[in-house]
Structure formats: structure tokens, C-alpha cells
Amino acid sequence: MITPDSLTEVGQIFKPHGIKGEVSITLDYDFSPEDVRCFLIDREGIFVPFFVAESRRRGSESWLVRFEGVENERQAAEFSNAILFALTAELPVDFSDEDADGVHLYDLEGFRLIDGEHEIGVIRSIDDSTVNILFEVETPAGLKVLVPFAEELLVALDPENRTLTLDLPAGILDIN
């Protein structure tokens, strides 16, 4: 039997989305629903596993998820407002209680983006819908530019001053 001390609360289901059994969820950590084997939901004191059949990002704050065996809006409605849990032992290594206050990808919205000594602008949104992560940055002149992000480009992250410093390849900003 799965016990509460073997679980970590990782998010919440809000409501059904559409007619094909999807639900809208938010996750408290920066990971994809497919990064865990299953989510667990408390059903009258018993933690029941639900396996993700498919998922897709919906904006920067939420996901649309369909669980195996859930095929329509009526079935999906049964999950409304449920708290999502995952087995702590199955979470990625960097998801521990002491890291929960760390900076995750979507926490970077609103950070000032710097390339070396030059400020590019403020990160307004983050697109991770493809393999390549893109920051949509608003420049001081009010222009919107897309800036690629990869950990290899990271120079410094300063959460206190809300700045992110990257070492961008020469000419990358000229592509916009």
C-alpha cells in the first residue's frame, strides 16, 4: 500500500478541458507530466495511481493532461480540484524539499536578461514547446526579440536582483 510519507505533493488538477477527457493541471515543480511514471490522487483515503496517456503545455503555468482510461469530459470532471502527488523516490534527483524554493525555468519571467555587460531586456514569456527553449524578451526600446536558452550559455543567475546573464553566440540577436 502507498503511504503518505512516500509521496510528494506536486500540483493540482483544476477542471476538465474540452470533450476528449483532458484536465488542466498546474505543477509546483519545473518538470513535465511524462517525467513521472504516474500521478497519485487521494480517493477516500487511498492513493490511487493515474498514468498519463498524453500531455501538452498550456501557457507558462499549466498543462493539459489526459489520463489512461479517461475518454470524455464527464470522466475528466471526476478529477476536478484534486491534489496531485508523485512517489518521492521516482521524482528527478533535483526535486527535494530543500530545493523546492530554487529557481525554475518559469520563475525567470520578469528577470532582466544580460549578455556579457549588455542588457538585452526583460523576459516576458518562455516557449518550451519544442526542444529549443526560447525567451521572448522585451528590449528597453519596446521591441520583442526571441533569445535561445541552453544551460551551456548560462553565466550567472541572480534571483535576488532578478537577473540572468548569458554568453550568447555573436550575431544571434541579429537574426530577429
C-alpha atoms as a PDB file:
ATOM      1  CA  MET A   1       0.000   0.000   0.000  1.00  0.00           C
ATOM      2  CA  ILE A   2       1.188   3.518  -0.796  1.00  0.00           C
ATOM      3  CA  THR A   3       1.595   5.645   2.323  1.00  0.00           C
ATOM      4  CA  PRO A   4       1.540   9.467   2.560  1.00  0.00           C
ATOM      5  CA  ASP A   5       5.174   9.589   3.776  1.00  0.00           C
ATOM      6  CA  SER A   6       6.334   8.072   0.452  1.00  0.00           C
ATOM      7  CA  LEU A   7       4.662  10.857  -1.566  1.00  0.00           C
ATOM      8  CA  THR A   8       5.372  14.457  -2.514  1.00  0.00           C
ATOM      9  CA  GLU A   9       2.594  16.880  -3.387  1.00  0.00           C
ATOM     10  CA  VAL A  10       3.474  18.110  -6.880  1.00  0.00           C
ATOM     11  CA  GLY A  11       0.457  20.032  -8.171  1.00  0.00           C
ATOM     12  CA  GLN A  12      -3.268  20.276  -8.657  1.00  0.00           C
ATOM     13  CA  ILE A  13      -5.932  19.420 -11.204  1.00  0.00           C
ATOM     14  CA  PHE A  14      -8.331  22.263 -11.868  1.00  0.00           C
ATOM     15  CA  LYS A  15     -11.064  21.280 -14.302  1.00  0.00           C
ATOM     16  CA  PRO A  16     -11.832  19.378 -17.499  1.00  0.00           C
ATOM     17  CA  HIS A  17     -10.687  20.880 -20.778  1.00  0.00           C
ATOM     18  CA  GLY A  18     -12.653  20.060 -23.902  1.00  0.00           C
ATOM     19  CA  ILE A  19     -14.597  16.884 -24.558  1.00  0.00           C
ATOM     20  CA  LYS A  20     -11.802  14.306 -25.006  1.00  0.00           C
ATOM     21  CA  GLY A  21     -11.018  13.691 -21.331  1.00  0.00           C
ATOM     22  CA  GLU A  22      -8.248  16.235 -20.770  1.00  0.00           C
ATOM     23  CA  VAL A  23      -7.836  18.102 -17.494  1.00  0.00           C
ATOM     24  CA  SER A  24      -5.984  21.335 -16.795  1.00  0.00           C
ATOM     25  CA  ILE A  25      -3.240  20.957 -14.176  1.00  0.00           C
ATOM     26  CA  THR A  26      -0.509  23.049 -12.611  1.00  0.00           C
ATOM     27  CA  LEU A  27       2.715  21.624 -11.252  1.00  0.00           C
ATOM     28  CA  ASP A  28       4.607  23.080  -8.299  1.00  0.00           C
ATOM     29  CA  TYR A  29       7.929  21.989  -9.792  1.00  0.00           C
ATOM     30  CA  ASP A  30       9.577  22.500 -13.164  1.00  0.00           C
ATOM     31  CA  PHE A  31       9.058  19.108 -14.816  1.00  0.00           C
ATOM     32  CA  SER A  32       6.872  17.525 -17.453  1.00  0.00           C
ATOM     33  CA  PRO A  33       3.985  15.194 -16.550  1.00  0.00           C
ATOM     34  CA  GLU A  34       5.791  12.482 -18.525  1.00  0.00           C
ATOM     35  CA  ASP A  35       8.806  12.741 -16.184  1.00  0.00           C
ATOM     36  CA  VAL A  36       6.950  10.663 -13.578  1.00  0.00           C
ATOM     37  CA  ARG A  37       5.583   7.153 -14.009  1.00  0.00           C
ATOM     38  CA  CYS A  38       2.196   8.184 -12.628  1.00  0.00           C
ATOM     39  CA  PHE A  39       0.378  10.722 -10.502  1.00  0.00           C
ATOM     40  CA  LEU A  40      -1.443   9.645  -7.369  1.00  0.00           C
ATOM     41  CA  ILE A  41      -4.739  11.078  -6.174  1.00  0.00           C
ATOM     42  CA  ASP A  42      -6.298  10.575  -2.755  1.00  0.00           C
ATOM     43  CA  ARG A  43      -9.596   8.742  -3.246  1.00  0.00           C
ATOM     44  CA  GLU A  44     -11.316   8.369   0.134  1.00  0.00           C
ATOM     45  CA  GLY A  45      -8.030   7.847   1.991  1.00  0.00           C
ATOM     46  CA  ILE A  46      -6.423   5.568  -0.613  1.00  0.00           C
ATOM     47  CA  PHE A  47      -3.799   6.931  -3.004  1.00  0.00           C
ATOM     48  CA  VAL A  48      -4.757   5.696  -6.460  1.00  0.00           C
ATOM     49  CA  PRO A  49      -2.246   5.856  -9.361  1.00  0.00           C
ATOM     50  CA  PHE A  50      -3.248   7.501 -12.630  1.00  0.00           C
ATOM     51  CA  PHE A  51      -0.998   7.095 -15.665  1.00  0.00           C
ATOM     52  CA  VAL A  52      -0.537   9.920 -18.169  1.00  0.00           C
ATOM     53  CA  ALA A  53      -1.701   8.950 -21.666  1.00  0.00           C
ATOM     54  CA  GLU A  54      -0.723  12.310 -23.151  1.00  0.00           C
ATOM     55  CA  SER A  55       0.153  15.833 -22.097  1.00  0.00           C
ATOM     56  CA  ARG A  56       0.867  19.206 -23.622  1.00  0.00           C
ATOM     57  CA  ARG A  57       1.916  22.558 -22.280  1.00  0.00           C
ATOM     58  CA  ARG A  58      -0.772  25.218 -21.931  1.00  0.00           C
ATOM     59  CA  GLY A  59       0.922  28.585 -21.412  1.00  0.00           C
ATOM     60  CA  SER A  60       3.663  29.037 -18.873  1.00  0.00           C
ATOM     61  CA  GLU A  61       1.684  27.959 -15.836  1.00  0.00           C
ATOM     62  CA  SER A  62      -0.279  24.848 -16.735  1.00  0.00           C
ATOM     63  CA  TRP A  63      -0.533  21.593 -18.653  1.00  0.00           C
ATOM     64  CA  LEU A  64      -3.356  19.749 -20.361  1.00  0.00           C
ATOM     65  CA  VAL A  65      -3.229  16.075 -19.402  1.00  0.00           C
ATOM     66  CA  ARG A  66      -5.289  13.038 -20.327  1.00  0.00           C
ATOM     67  CA  PHE A  67      -5.034  10.015 -18.065  1.00  0.00           C
ATOM     68  CA  GLU A  68      -5.238   6.460 -19.377  1.00  0.00           C
ATOM     69  CA  GLY A  69      -8.849   5.266 -19.372  1.00  0.00           C
ATOM     70  CA  VAL A  70     -10.297   8.787 -19.281  1.00  0.00           C
ATOM     71  CA  GLU A  71     -12.004   9.399 -22.620  1.00  0.00           C
ATOM     72  CA  ASN A  72     -14.572  12.158 -22.116  1.00  0.00           C
ATOM     73  CA  GLU A  73     -15.455  15.330 -20.224  1.00  0.00           C
ATOM     74  CA  ARG A  74     -17.733  13.523 -17.747  1.00  0.00           C
ATOM     75  CA  GLN A  75     -14.927  11.169 -16.672  1.00  0.00           C
ATOM     76  CA  ALA A  76     -12.447  14.058 -16.519  1.00  0.00           C
ATOM     77  CA  ALA A  77     -14.811  16.079 -14.302  1.00  0.00           C
ATOM     78  CA  GLU A  78     -14.336  13.490 -11.539  1.00  0.00           C
ATOM     79  CA  PHE A  79     -10.764  14.812 -11.120  1.00  0.00           C
ATOM     80  CA  SER A  80     -11.722  18.484 -10.627  1.00  0.00           C
ATOM     81  CA  ASN A  81      -9.775  20.211  -7.832  1.00  0.00           C
ATOM     82  CA  ALA A  82      -7.813  17.060  -6.926  1.00  0.00           C
ATOM     83  CA  ILE A  83      -4.323  17.400  -5.455  1.00  0.00           C
ATOM     84  CA  LEU A  84      -1.608  15.589  -7.431  1.00  0.00           C
ATOM     85  CA  PHE A  85       1.053  13.511  -5.702  1.00  0.00           C
ATOM     86  CA  ALA A  86       4.040  11.589  -7.049  1.00  0.00           C
ATOM     87  CA  LEU A  87       6.200   8.932  -5.459  1.00  0.00           C
ATOM     88  CA  THR A  88       9.087  10.856  -3.908  1.00  0.00           C
ATOM     89  CA  ALA A  89      11.563   8.133  -4.855  1.00  0.00           C
ATOM     90  CA  GLU A  90      10.599   8.483  -8.534  1.00  0.00           C
ATOM     91  CA  LEU A  91      10.953  12.265  -8.775  1.00  0.00           C
ATOM     92  CA  PRO A  92      14.011  13.565 -10.617  1.00  0.00           C
ATOM     93  CA  VAL A  93      17.042  13.804  -8.305  1.00  0.00           C
ATOM     94  CA  ASP A  94      16.958  17.605  -8.016  1.00  0.00           C
ATOM     95  CA  PHE A  95      13.393  17.623  -6.647  1.00  0.00           C
ATOM     96  CA  SER A  96      13.859  17.587  -2.904  1.00  0.00           C
ATOM     97  CA  ASP A  97      12.364  19.684  -0.131  1.00  0.00           C
ATOM     98  CA  GLU A  98      15.475  21.813   0.243  1.00  0.00           C
ATOM     99  CA  ASP A  99      15.407  22.609  -3.499  1.00  0.00           C
ATOM    100  CA  ALA A 100      11.712  23.487  -3.603  1.00  0.00           C
ATOM    101  CA  ASP A 101      12.476  27.210  -3.208  1.00  0.00           C
ATOM    102  CA  GLY A 102      15.034  27.144  -6.033  1.00  0.00           C
ATOM    103  CA  VAL A 103      14.607  28.992  -9.321  1.00  0.00           C
ATOM    104  CA  HIS A 104      12.889  27.020 -12.042  1.00  0.00           C
ATOM    105  CA  LEU A 105      12.555  27.849 -15.727  1.00  0.00           C
ATOM    106  CA  TYR A 106       9.208  29.659 -15.457  1.00  0.00           C
ATOM    107  CA  ASP A 107      10.403  31.654 -12.453  1.00  0.00           C
ATOM    108  CA  LEU A 108      12.626  33.550 -14.924  1.00  0.00           C
ATOM    109  CA  GLU A 109       9.692  35.518 -16.361  1.00  0.00           C
ATOM    110  CA  GLY A 110      10.274  39.137 -15.344  1.00  0.00           C
ATOM    111  CA  PHE A 111      14.048  38.679 -14.957  1.00  0.00           C
ATOM    112  CA  ARG A 112      16.387  41.097 -16.747  1.00  0.00           C
ATOM    113  CA  LEU A 113      18.394  39.267 -19.416  1.00  0.00           C
ATOM    114  CA  ILE A 114      22.034  40.267 -19.816  1.00  0.00           C
ATOM    115  CA  ASP A 115      24.556  39.222 -22.473  1.00  0.00           C
ATOM    116  CA  GLY A 116      28.005  39.878 -21.024  1.00  0.00           C
ATOM    117  CA  GLU A 117      27.832  43.538 -19.952  1.00  0.00           C
ATOM    118  CA  HIS A 118      24.911  44.459 -22.247  1.00  0.00           C
ATOM    119  CA  GLU A 119      21.299  44.329 -21.000  1.00  0.00           C
ATOM    120  CA  ILE A 120      19.045  42.819 -23.651  1.00  0.00           C
ATOM    121  CA  GLY A 121      15.742  43.425 -21.866  1.00  0.00           C
ATOM    122  CA  VAL A 122      13.140  41.740 -19.667  1.00  0.00           C
ATOM    123  CA  ILE A 123      11.997  38.128 -20.163  1.00  0.00           C
ATOM    124  CA  ARG A 124       8.243  38.348 -20.815  1.00  0.00           C
ATOM    125  CA  SER A 125       7.481  34.721 -21.663  1.00  0.00           C
ATOM    126  CA  ILE A 126       9.149  31.364 -22.167  1.00  0.00           C
ATOM    127  CA  ASP A 127       8.427  28.983 -25.031  1.00  0.00           C
ATOM    128  CA  ASP A 128       9.429  25.384 -24.338  1.00  0.00           C
ATOM    129  CA  SER A 129       7.007  23.823 -26.817  1.00  0.00           C
ATOM    130  CA  THR A 130       9.957  22.485 -28.849  1.00  0.00           C
ATOM    131  CA  VAL A 131      13.342  21.041 -27.938  1.00  0.00           C
ATOM    132  CA  ASN A 132      14.821  24.552 -28.124  1.00  0.00           C
ATOM    133  CA  ILE A 133      13.789  26.867 -25.285  1.00  0.00           C
ATOM    134  CA  LEU A 134      13.163  30.459 -26.354  1.00  0.00           C
ATOM    135  CA  PHE A 135      12.822  33.539 -24.183  1.00  0.00           C
ATOM    136  CA  GLU A 136      10.579  36.289 -25.528  1.00  0.00           C
ATOM    137  CA  VAL A 137      12.384  39.404 -24.365  1.00  0.00           C
ATOM    138  CA  GLU A 138      11.145  42.986 -24.403  1.00  0.00           C
ATOM    139  CA  THR A 139      14.029  45.367 -25.094  1.00  0.00           C
ATOM    140  CA  PRO A 140      14.337  48.809 -23.459  1.00  0.00           C
ATOM    141  CA  ALA A 141      13.177  50.235 -26.822  1.00  0.00           C
ATOM    142  CA  GLY A 142       9.955  48.185 -26.555  1.00  0.00           C
ATOM    143  CA  LEU A 143      10.874  45.652 -29.255  1.00  0.00           C
ATOM    144  CA  LYS A 144      10.243  41.939 -28.786  1.00  0.00           C
ATOM    145  CA  VAL A 145      13.144  39.600 -29.563  1.00  0.00           C
ATOM    146  CA  LEU A 146      13.485  35.841 -29.254  1.00  0.00           C
ATOM    147  CA  VAL A 147      16.580  34.623 -27.425  1.00  0.00           C
ATOM    148  CA  PRO A 148      17.537  30.936 -27.319  1.00  0.00           C
ATOM    149  CA  PHE A 149      18.358  29.401 -23.954  1.00  0.00           C
ATOM    150  CA  ALA A 150      20.562  26.434 -23.137  1.00  0.00           C
ATOM    151  CA  GLU A 151      22.374  25.687 -19.886  1.00  0.00           C
ATOM    152  CA  GLU A 152      25.699  25.881 -21.754  1.00  0.00           C
ATOM    153  CA  LEU A 153      25.034  29.613 -22.334  1.00  0.00           C
ATOM    154  CA  LEU A 154      24.408  30.335 -18.636  1.00  0.00           C
ATOM    155  CA  VAL A 155      26.986  32.607 -16.993  1.00  0.00           C
ATOM    156  CA  ALA A 156      25.169  33.760 -13.851  1.00  0.00           C
ATOM    157  CA  LEU A 157      21.767  33.660 -12.212  1.00  0.00           C
ATOM    158  CA  ASP A 158      20.991  36.241  -9.533  1.00  0.00           C
ATOM    159  CA  PRO A 159      17.492  35.642  -8.087  1.00  0.00           C
ATOM    160  CA  GLU A 160      17.868  38.447  -5.553  1.00  0.00           C
ATOM    161  CA  ASN A 161      18.419  41.074  -8.278  1.00  0.00           C
ATOM    162  CA  ARG A 162      16.263  39.145 -10.792  1.00  0.00           C
ATOM    163  CA  THR A 163      18.963  38.968 -13.458  1.00  0.00           C
ATOM    164  CA  LEU A 164      20.040  36.199 -15.794  1.00  0.00           C
ATOM    165  CA  THR A 165      23.383  36.542 -17.563  1.00  0.00           C
ATOM    166  CA  LEU A 166      24.092  34.514 -20.691  1.00  0.00           C
ATOM    167  CA  ASP A 167      27.050  34.253 -23.058  1.00  0.00           C
ATOM    168  CA  LEU A 168      25.219  34.367 -26.388  1.00  0.00           C
ATOM    169  CA  PRO A 169      26.888  33.469 -29.688  1.00  0.00           C
ATOM    170  CA  ALA A 170      27.944  36.507 -31.726  1.00  0.00           C
ATOM    171  CA  GLY A 171      25.197  37.742 -34.054  1.00  0.00           C
ATOM    172  CA  ILE A 172      22.388  35.679 -32.510  1.00  0.00           C
ATOM    173  CA  LEU A 173      20.340  38.801 -31.733  1.00  0.00           C
ATOM    174  CA  ASP A 174      20.699  39.998 -35.341  1.00  0.00           C
ATOM    175  CA  ILE A 175      18.543  37.057 -36.509  1.00  0.00           C
ATOM    176  CA  ASN A 176      15.353  38.596 -35.061  1.00  0.00           C
END
